[in-house]
Amino acid sequence: MVLKQKEDQKGLWIERVIPDSPAEKAGFLSGDQFIAVEGKGIGKVKDIHHALAQKGWGKEITFTIVREGKKKEITVKLPPLENY
């Protein structure tokens, strides 16, 4: 997935979801806004990388997003590291 950060707003936006990726399978859509991961607010891509590293590959991680003005939680099962 390709993310972008907007200078004047909190969170990150999904610019593009890569076909057949874990993100697409989890139900993320272009235009979704990430506002938290595992309940912690995010503002930079490194916040997501840090949360993924703490959680560990092969585990589930929960993202809080805003889609069309409504908050929603999406849980993603991270693939095992050996798949990368």
PDB file of N, CA and C in Angstrom:
ATOM      1  N   MET A   1       0.849  -1.160   0.000  1.00  0.00           N
ATOM      2  CA  MET A   1       0.000   0.000   0.000  1.00  0.00           C
ATOM      3  C   MET A   1       0.898   1.227   0.000  1.00  0.00           C
ATOM      4  N   VAL A   2       0.427   2.268  -0.639  1.00  0.00           N
ATOM      5  CA  VAL A   2       1.169   3.521  -0.704  1.00  0.00           C
ATOM      6  C   VAL A   2       0.453   4.521   0.199  1.00  0.00           C
ATOM      7  N   LEU A   3       1.205   5.107   1.140  1.00  0.00           N
ATOM      8  CA  LEU A   3       0.645   6.049   2.106  1.00  0.00           C
ATOM      9  C   LEU A   3       1.120   7.462   1.819  1.00  0.00           C
ATOM     10  N   LYS A   4       0.317   8.437   2.231  1.00  0.00           N
ATOM     11  CA  LYS A   4       0.752   9.835   2.146  1.00  0.00           C
ATOM     12  C   LYS A   4       0.374  10.543   3.424  1.00  0.00           C
ATOM     13  N   GLN A   5       1.164  11.540   3.735  1.00  0.00           N
ATOM     14  CA  GLN A   5       0.954  12.341   4.942  1.00  0.00           C
ATOM     15  C   GLN A   5       0.568  13.741   4.507  1.00  0.00           C
ATOM     16  N   LYS A   6      -0.434  14.317   5.181  1.00  0.00           N
ATOM     17  CA  LYS A   6      -0.848  15.687   4.889  1.00  0.00           C
ATOM     18  C   LYS A   6      -0.330  16.579   6.005  1.00  0.00           C
ATOM     19  N   GLU A   7       0.357  17.630   5.640  1.00  0.00           N
ATOM     20  CA  GLU A   7       1.026  18.519   6.590  1.00  0.00           C
ATOM     21  C   GLU A   7       0.115  19.042   7.699  1.00  0.00           C
ATOM     22  N   ASP A   8      -1.103  19.425   7.331  1.00  0.00           N
ATOM     23  CA  ASP A   8      -1.959  20.128   8.278  1.00  0.00           C
ATOM     24  C   ASP A   8      -2.977  19.240   8.988  1.00  0.00           C
ATOM     25  N   GLN A   9      -2.894  17.930   8.808  1.00  0.00           N
ATOM     26  CA  GLN A   9      -3.883  17.050   9.408  1.00  0.00           C
ATOM     27  C   GLN A   9      -3.220  15.853  10.062  1.00  0.00           C
ATOM     28  N   LYS A  10      -3.910  15.256  11.042  1.00  0.00           N
ATOM     29  CA  LYS A  10      -3.384  14.087  11.735  1.00  0.00           C
ATOM     30  C   LYS A  10      -3.636  12.837  10.910  1.00  0.00           C
ATOM     31  N   GLY A  11      -2.791  11.859  11.118  1.00  0.00           N
ATOM     32  CA  GLY A  11      -2.980  10.571  10.466  1.00  0.00           C
ATOM     33  C   GLY A  11      -2.290  10.477   9.119  1.00  0.00           C
ATOM     34  N   LEU A  12      -2.495   9.338   8.488  1.00  0.00           N
ATOM     35  CA  LEU A  12      -1.943   9.055   7.170  1.00  0.00           C
ATOM     36  C   LEU A  12      -3.071   8.589   6.267  1.00  0.00           C
ATOM     37  N   TRP A  13      -2.942   8.827   4.979  1.00  0.00           N
ATOM     38  CA  TRP A  13      -3.963   8.418   4.026  1.00  0.00           C
ATOM     39  C   TRP A  13      -3.417   7.336   3.112  1.00  0.00           C
ATOM     40  N   ILE A  14      -4.294   6.425   2.746  1.00  0.00           N
ATOM     41  CA  ILE A  14      -3.920   5.401   1.769  1.00  0.00           C
ATOM     42  C   ILE A  14      -4.130   6.004   0.386  1.00  0.00           C
ATOM     43  N   GLU A  15      -3.045   6.111  -0.333  1.00  0.00           N
ATOM     44  CA  GLU A  15      -3.106   6.647  -1.689  1.00  0.00           C
ATOM     45  C   GLU A  15      -3.470   5.537  -2.670  1.00  0.00           C
ATOM     46  N   ARG A  16      -2.904   4.346  -2.433  1.00  0.00           N
ATOM     47  CA  ARG A  16      -3.144   3.221  -3.340  1.00  0.00           C
ATOM     48  C   ARG A  16      -2.956   1.920  -2.580  1.00  0.00           C
ATOM     49  N   VAL A  17      -3.836   0.946  -2.840  1.00  0.00           N
ATOM     50  CA  VAL A  17      -3.731  -0.378  -2.245  1.00  0.00           C
ATOM     51  C   VAL A  17      -3.213  -1.329  -3.323  1.00  0.00           C
ATOM     52  N   ILE A  18      -2.169  -2.067  -2.999  1.00  0.00           N
ATOM     53  CA  ILE A  18      -1.556  -2.985  -3.959  1.00  0.00           C
ATOM     54  C   ILE A  18      -2.414  -4.249  -4.074  1.00  0.00           C
ATOM     55  N   PRO A  19      -2.774  -4.645  -5.303  1.00  0.00           N
ATOM     56  CA  PRO A  19      -3.597  -5.837  -5.494  1.00  0.00           C
ATOM     57  C   PRO A  19      -2.971  -7.083  -4.860  1.00  0.00           C
ATOM     58  N   ASP A  20      -3.817  -7.917  -4.277  1.00  0.00           N
ATOM     59  CA  ASP A  20      -3.430  -9.186  -3.643  1.00  0.00           C
ATOM     60  C   ASP A  20      -2.520  -9.010  -2.425  1.00  0.00           C
ATOM     61  N   SER A  21      -2.416  -7.813  -1.893  1.00  0.00           N
ATOM     62  CA  SER A  21      -1.589  -7.575  -0.703  1.00  0.00           C
ATOM     63  C   SER A  21      -2.406  -7.885   0.550  1.00  0.00           C
ATOM     64  N   PRO A  22      -1.735  -8.062   1.705  1.00  0.00           N
ATOM     65  CA  PRO A  22      -2.483  -8.238   2.957  1.00  0.00           C
ATOM     66  C   PRO A  22      -3.439  -7.070   3.219  1.00  0.00           C
ATOM     67  N   ALA A  23      -3.050  -5.869   2.810  1.00  0.00           N
ATOM     68  CA  ALA A  23      -3.904  -4.690   3.012  1.00  0.00           C
ATOM     69  C   ALA A  23      -5.200  -4.811   2.208  1.00  0.00           C
ATOM     70  N   GLU A  24      -5.095  -5.258   0.959  1.00  0.00           N
ATOM     71  CA  GLU A  24      -6.300  -5.423   0.145  1.00  0.00           C
ATOM     72  C   GLU A  24      -7.184  -6.529   0.715  1.00  0.00           C
ATOM     73  N   LYS A  25      -6.564  -7.625   1.121  1.00  0.00           N
ATOM     74  CA  LYS A  25      -7.326  -8.743   1.687  1.00  0.00           C
ATOM     75  C   LYS A  25      -8.028  -8.351   2.983  1.00  0.00           C
ATOM     76  N   ALA A  26      -7.446  -7.410   3.736  1.00  0.00           N
ATOM     77  CA  ALA A  26      -8.043  -6.944   4.996  1.00  0.00           C
ATOM     78  C   ALA A  26      -9.205  -5.982   4.757  1.00  0.00           C
ATOM     79  N   GLY A  27      -9.274  -5.422   3.549  1.00  0.00           N
ATOM     80  CA  GLY A  27     -10.382  -4.523   3.227  1.00  0.00           C
ATOM     81  C   GLY A  27     -10.055  -3.048   3.204  1.00  0.00           C
ATOM     82  N   PHE A  28      -8.762  -2.691   3.251  1.00  0.00           N
ATOM     83  CA  PHE A  28      -8.396  -1.281   3.150  1.00  0.00           C
ATOM     84  C   PHE A  28      -8.705  -0.766   1.749  1.00  0.00           C
ATOM     85  N   LEU A  29      -9.081   0.520   1.674  1.00  0.00           N
ATOM     86  CA  LEU A  29      -9.405   1.148   0.401  1.00  0.00           C
ATOM     87  C   LEU A  29      -8.608   2.432   0.231  1.00  0.00           C
ATOM     88  N   SER A  30      -8.362   2.809  -1.015  1.00  0.00           N
ATOM     89  CA  SER A  30      -7.737   4.099  -1.287  1.00  0.00           C
ATOM     90  C   SER A  30      -8.613   5.178  -0.671  1.00  0.00           C
ATOM     91  N   GLY A  31      -7.991   6.146  -0.011  1.00  0.00           N
ATOM     92  CA  GLY A  31      -8.722   7.227   0.626  1.00  0.00           C
ATOM     93  C   GLY A  31      -8.970   7.013   2.110  1.00  0.00           C
ATOM     94  N   ASP A  32      -8.768   5.774   2.599  1.00  0.00           N
ATOM     95  CA  ASP A  32      -8.894   5.539   4.036  1.00  0.00           C
ATOM     96  C   ASP A  32      -7.824   6.337   4.773  1.00  0.00           C
ATOM     97  N   GLN A  33      -8.164   6.831   5.951  1.00  0.00           N
ATOM     98  CA  GLN A  33      -7.230   7.587   6.779  1.00  0.00           C
ATOM     99  C   GLN A  33      -6.878   6.751   8.006  1.00  0.00           C
ATOM    100  N   PHE A  34      -5.589   6.447   8.175  1.00  0.00           N
ATOM    101  CA  PHE A  34      -5.115   5.768   9.379  1.00  0.00           C
ATOM    102  C   PHE A  34      -5.014   6.799  10.490  1.00  0.00           C
ATOM    103  N   ILE A  35      -5.656   6.531  11.646  1.00  0.00           N
ATOM    104  CA  ILE A  35      -5.521   7.460  12.767  1.00  0.00           C
ATOM    105  C   ILE A  35      -4.880   6.792  13.976  1.00  0.00           C
ATOM    106  N   ALA A  36      -4.901   5.443  14.040  1.00  0.00           N
ATOM    107  CA  ALA A  36      -4.274   4.748  15.165  1.00  0.00           C
ATOM    108  C   ALA A  36      -3.913   3.321  14.762  1.00  0.00           C
ATOM    109  N   VAL A  37      -2.898   2.799  15.433  1.00  0.00           N
ATOM    110  CA  VAL A  37      -2.522   1.400  15.283  1.00  0.00           C
ATOM    111  C   VAL A  37      -2.352   0.843  16.692  1.00  0.00           C
ATOM    112  N   GLU A  38      -3.047  -0.242  16.968  1.00  0.00           N
ATOM    113  CA  GLU A  38      -3.060  -0.842  18.307  1.00  0.00           C
ATOM    114  C   GLU A  38      -3.436   0.196  19.367  1.00  0.00           C
ATOM    115  N   GLY A  39      -4.352   1.106  19.008  1.00  0.00           N
ATOM    116  CA  GLY A  39      -4.849   2.104  19.948  1.00  0.00           C
ATOM    117  C   GLY A  39      -3.973   3.327  20.136  1.00  0.00           C
ATOM    118  N   LYS A  40      -2.809   3.362  19.470  1.00  0.00           N
ATOM    119  CA  LYS A  40      -1.902   4.511  19.594  1.00  0.00           C
ATOM    120  C   LYS A  40      -2.009   5.371  18.339  1.00  0.00           C
ATOM    121  N   GLY A  41      -2.175   6.678  18.543  1.00  0.00           N
ATOM    122  CA  GLY A  41      -2.280   7.604  17.424  1.00  0.00           C
ATOM    123  C   GLY A  41      -1.056   7.562  16.529  1.00  0.00           C
ATOM    124  N   ILE A  42      -1.277   7.772  15.242  1.00  0.00           N
ATOM    125  CA  ILE A  42      -0.163   7.789  14.295  1.00  0.00           C
ATOM    126  C   ILE A  42      -0.184   9.084  13.488  1.00  0.00           C
ATOM    127  N   GLY A  43       0.998   9.514  13.105  1.00  0.00           N
ATOM    128  CA  GLY A  43       1.122  10.721  12.308  1.00  0.00           C
ATOM    129  C   GLY A  43       2.158  10.594  11.214  1.00  0.00           C
ATOM    130  N   LYS A  44       3.006   9.586  11.336  1.00  0.00           N
ATOM    131  CA  LYS A  44       4.075   9.379  10.356  1.00  0.00           C
ATOM    132  C   LYS A  44       4.148   7.897  10.005  1.00  0.00           C
ATOM    133  N   VAL A  45       4.676   7.616   8.835  1.00  0.00           N
ATOM    134  CA  VAL A  45       4.815   6.228   8.381  1.00  0.00           C
ATOM    135  C   VAL A  45       5.651   5.428   9.378  1.00  0.00           C
ATOM    136  N   LYS A  46       6.661   6.077   9.994  1.00  0.00           N
ATOM    137  CA  LYS A  46       7.519   5.348  10.939  1.00  0.00           C
ATOM    138  C   LYS A  46       6.720   4.841  12.137  1.00  0.00           C
ATOM    139  N   ASP A  47       5.600   5.506  12.478  1.00  0.00           N
ATOM    140  CA  ASP A  47       4.754   5.034  13.580  1.00  0.00           C
ATOM    141  C   ASP A  47       4.168   3.658  13.255  1.00  0.00           C
ATOM    142  N   ILE A  48       3.794   3.457  12.009  1.00  0.00           N
ATOM    143  CA  ILE A  48       3.262   2.157  11.587  1.00  0.00           C
ATOM    144  C   ILE A  48       4.376   1.124  11.588  1.00  0.00           C
ATOM    145  N   HIS A  49       5.531   1.476  11.045  1.00  0.00           N
ATOM    146  CA  HIS A  49       6.672   0.542  11.026  1.00  0.00           C
ATOM    147  C   HIS A  49       7.050   0.119  12.446  1.00  0.00           C
ATOM    148  N   HIS A  50       7.043   1.072  13.370  1.00  0.00           N
ATOM    149  CA  HIS A  50       7.388   0.774  14.765  1.00  0.00           C
ATOM    150  C   HIS A  50       6.370  -0.197  15.374  1.00  0.00           C
ATOM    151  N   ALA A  51       5.082   0.051  15.122  1.00  0.00           N
ATOM    152  CA  ALA A  51       4.031  -0.824  15.660  1.00  0.00           C
ATOM    153  C   ALA A  51       4.145  -2.226  15.070  1.00  0.00           C
ATOM    154  N   LEU A  52       4.444  -2.327  13.782  1.00  0.00           N
ATOM    155  CA  LEU A  52       4.600  -3.644  13.139  1.00  0.00           C
ATOM    156  C   LEU A  52       5.785  -4.391  13.740  1.00  0.00           C
ATOM    157  N   ALA A  53       6.886  -3.686  13.969  1.00  0.00           N
ATOM    158  CA  ALA A  53       8.075  -4.315  14.543  1.00  0.00           C
ATOM    159  C   ALA A  53       7.799  -4.798  15.968  1.00  0.00           C
ATOM    160  N   GLN A  54       7.056  -4.014  16.745  1.00  0.00           N
ATOM    161  CA  GLN A  54       6.735  -4.405  18.118  1.00  0.00           C
ATOM    162  C   GLN A  54       5.801  -5.608  18.153  1.00  0.00           C
ATOM    163  N   LYS A  55       4.814  -5.621  17.255  1.00  0.00           N
ATOM    164  CA  LYS A  55       3.816  -6.683  17.247  1.00  0.00           C
ATOM    165  C   LYS A  55       4.421  -8.000  16.760  1.00  0.00           C
ATOM    166  N   GLY A  56       5.208  -7.928  15.698  1.00  0.00           N
ATOM    167  CA  GLY A  56       5.851  -9.122  15.159  1.00  0.00           C
ATOM    168  C   GLY A  56       5.113  -9.706  13.967  1.00  0.00           C
ATOM    169  N   TRP A  57       5.878 -10.193  13.015  1.00  0.00           N
ATOM    170  CA  TRP A  57       5.323 -10.808  11.812  1.00  0.00           C
ATOM    171  C   TRP A  57       4.580 -12.083  12.175  1.00  0.00           C
ATOM    172  N   GLY A  58       3.511 -12.356  11.434  1.00  0.00           N
ATOM    173  CA  GLY A  58       2.708 -13.540  11.680  1.00  0.00           C
ATOM    174  C   GLY A  58       1.627 -13.333  12.727  1.00  0.00           C
ATOM    175  N   LYS A  59       1.527 -12.136  13.292  1.00  0.00           N
ATOM    176  CA  LYS A  59       0.534 -11.817  14.329  1.00  0.00           C
ATOM    177  C   LYS A  59      -0.549 -10.907  13.744  1.00  0.00           C
ATOM    178  N   GLU A  60      -1.604 -10.700  14.515  1.00  0.00           N
ATOM    179  CA  GLU A  60      -2.658  -9.773  14.108  1.00  0.00           C
ATOM    180  C   GLU A  60      -2.389  -8.390  14.698  1.00  0.00           C
ATOM    181  N   ILE A  61      -2.743  -7.363  13.931  1.00  0.00           N
ATOM    182  CA  ILE A  61      -2.578  -5.986  14.367  1.00  0.00           C
ATOM    183  C   ILE A  61      -3.838  -5.214  13.981  1.00  0.00           C
ATOM    184  N   THR A  62      -4.282  -4.318  14.864  1.00  0.00           N
ATOM    185  CA  THR A  62      -5.522  -3.591  14.628  1.00  0.00           C
ATOM    186  C   THR A  62      -5.243  -2.130  14.303  1.00  0.00           C
ATOM    187  N   PHE A  63      -5.836  -1.680  13.208  1.00  0.00           N
ATOM    188  CA  PHE A  63      -5.731  -0.298  12.763  1.00  0.00           C
ATOM    189  C   PHE A  63      -7.078   0.378  12.947  1.00  0.00           C
ATOM    190  N   THR A  64      -7.052   1.642  13.367  1.00  0.00           N
ATOM    191  CA  THR A  64      -8.264   2.456  13.406  1.00  0.00           C
ATOM    192  C   THR A  64      -8.170   3.407  12.227  1.00  0.00           C
ATOM    193  N   ILE A  65      -9.212   3.398  11.411  1.00  0.00           N
ATOM    194  CA  ILE A  65      -9.234   4.247  10.223  1.00  0.00           C
ATOM    195  C   ILE A  65     -10.484   5.121  10.249  1.00  0.00           C
ATOM    196  N   VAL A  66     -10.473   6.113   9.377  1.00  0.00           N
ATOM    197  CA  VAL A  66     -11.673   6.891   9.101  1.00  0.00           C
ATOM    198  C   VAL A  66     -11.960   6.700   7.619  1.00  0.00           C
ATOM    199  N   ARG A  67     -13.189   6.253   7.342  1.00  0.00           N
ATOM    200  CA  ARG A  67     -13.633   6.057   5.960  1.00  0.00           C
ATOM    201  C   ARG A  67     -14.974   6.767   5.809  1.00  0.00           C
ATOM    202  N   GLU A  68     -15.002   7.709   4.893  1.00  0.00           N
ATOM    203  CA  GLU A  68     -16.227   8.482   4.634  1.00  0.00           C
ATOM    204  C   GLU A  68     -16.790   9.086   5.919  1.00  0.00           C
ATOM    205  N   GLY A  69     -15.884   9.599   6.771  1.00  0.00           N
ATOM    206  CA  GLY A  69     -16.280  10.293   7.988  1.00  0.00           C
ATOM    207  C   GLY A  69     -16.616   9.403   9.172  1.00  0.00           C
ATOM    208  N   LYS A  70     -16.494   8.077   9.012  1.00  0.00           N
ATOM    209  CA  LYS A  70     -16.826   7.165  10.103  1.00  0.00           C
ATOM    210  C   LYS A  70     -15.606   6.372  10.532  1.00  0.00           C
ATOM    211  N   LYS A  71     -15.425   6.256  11.867  1.00  0.00           N
ATOM    212  CA  LYS A  71     -14.323   5.454  12.410  1.00  0.00           C
ATOM    213  C   LYS A  71     -14.630   3.979  12.232  1.00  0.00           C
ATOM    214  N   LYS A  72     -13.578   3.222  11.960  1.00  0.00           N
ATOM    215  CA  LYS A  72     -13.731   1.790  11.768  1.00  0.00           C
ATOM    216  C   LYS A  72     -12.427   1.126  12.189  1.00  0.00           C
ATOM    217  N   GLU A  73     -12.523  -0.065  12.780  1.00  0.00           N
ATOM    218  CA  GLU A  73     -11.316  -0.827  13.117  1.00  0.00           C
ATOM    219  C   GLU A  73     -11.177  -1.991  12.158  1.00  0.00           C
ATOM    220  N   ILE A  74      -9.969  -2.178  11.672  1.00  0.00           N
ATOM    221  CA  ILE A  74      -9.665  -3.293  10.775  1.00  0.00           C
ATOM    222  C   ILE A  74      -8.485  -4.051  11.360  1.00  0.00           C
ATOM    223  N   THR A  75      -8.661  -5.351  11.513  1.00  0.00           N
ATOM    224  CA  THR A  75      -7.589  -6.202  12.016  1.00  0.00           C
ATOM    225  C   THR A  75      -6.956  -6.936  10.848  1.00  0.00           C
ATOM    226  N   VAL A  76      -5.636  -6.884  10.800  1.00  0.00           N
ATOM    227  CA  VAL A  76      -4.868  -7.492   9.715  1.00  0.00           C
ATOM    228  C   VAL A  76      -3.972  -8.571  10.293  1.00  0.00           C
ATOM    229  N   LYS A  77      -3.954  -9.729   9.658  1.00  0.00           N
ATOM    230  CA  LYS A  77      -2.998 -10.765  10.044  1.00  0.00           C
ATOM    231  C   LYS A  77      -1.745 -10.536   9.216  1.00  0.00           C
ATOM    232  N   LEU A  78      -0.674 -10.213   9.893  1.00  0.00           N
ATOM    233  CA  LEU A  78       0.592  -9.973   9.202  1.00  0.00           C
ATOM    234  C   LEU A  78       1.151 -11.294   8.705  1.00  0.00           C
ATOM    235  N   PRO A  79       1.643 -11.313   7.476  1.00  0.00           N
ATOM    236  CA  PRO A  79       2.234 -12.556   6.974  1.00  0.00           C
ATOM    237  C   PRO A  79       3.525 -12.853   7.711  1.00  0.00           C
ATOM    238  N   PRO A  80       3.915 -14.130   7.767  1.00  0.00           N
ATOM    239  CA  PRO A  80       5.214 -14.471   8.385  1.00  0.00           C
ATOM    240  C   PRO A  80       6.338 -13.787   7.615  1.00  0.00           C
ATOM    241  N   LEU A  81       7.394 -13.411   8.313  1.00  0.00           N
ATOM    242  CA  LEU A  81       8.527 -12.708   7.712  1.00  0.00           C
ATOM    243  C   LEU A  81       9.137 -13.487   6.566  1.00  0.00           C
ATOM    244  N   GLU A  82       9.121 -14.811   6.641  1.00  0.00           N
ATOM    245  CA  GLU A  82       9.751 -15.602   5.581  1.00  0.00           C
ATOM    246  C   GLU A  82       9.033 -15.464   4.246  1.00  0.00           C
ATOM    247  N   ASN A  83       7.826 -14.884   4.232  1.00  0.00           N
ATOM    248  CA  ASN A  83       7.120 -14.643   2.976  1.00  0.00           C
ATOM    249  C   ASN A  83       7.642 -13.400   2.259  1.00  0.00           C
ATOM    250  N   TYR A  84       8.579 -12.675   2.900  1.00  0.00           N
ATOM    251  CA  TYR A  84       9.103 -11.447   2.284  1.00  0.00           C
ATOM    252  C   TYR A  84      10.547 -11.580   1.981  1.00  0.00           C
TER     253      TYR A  84
END
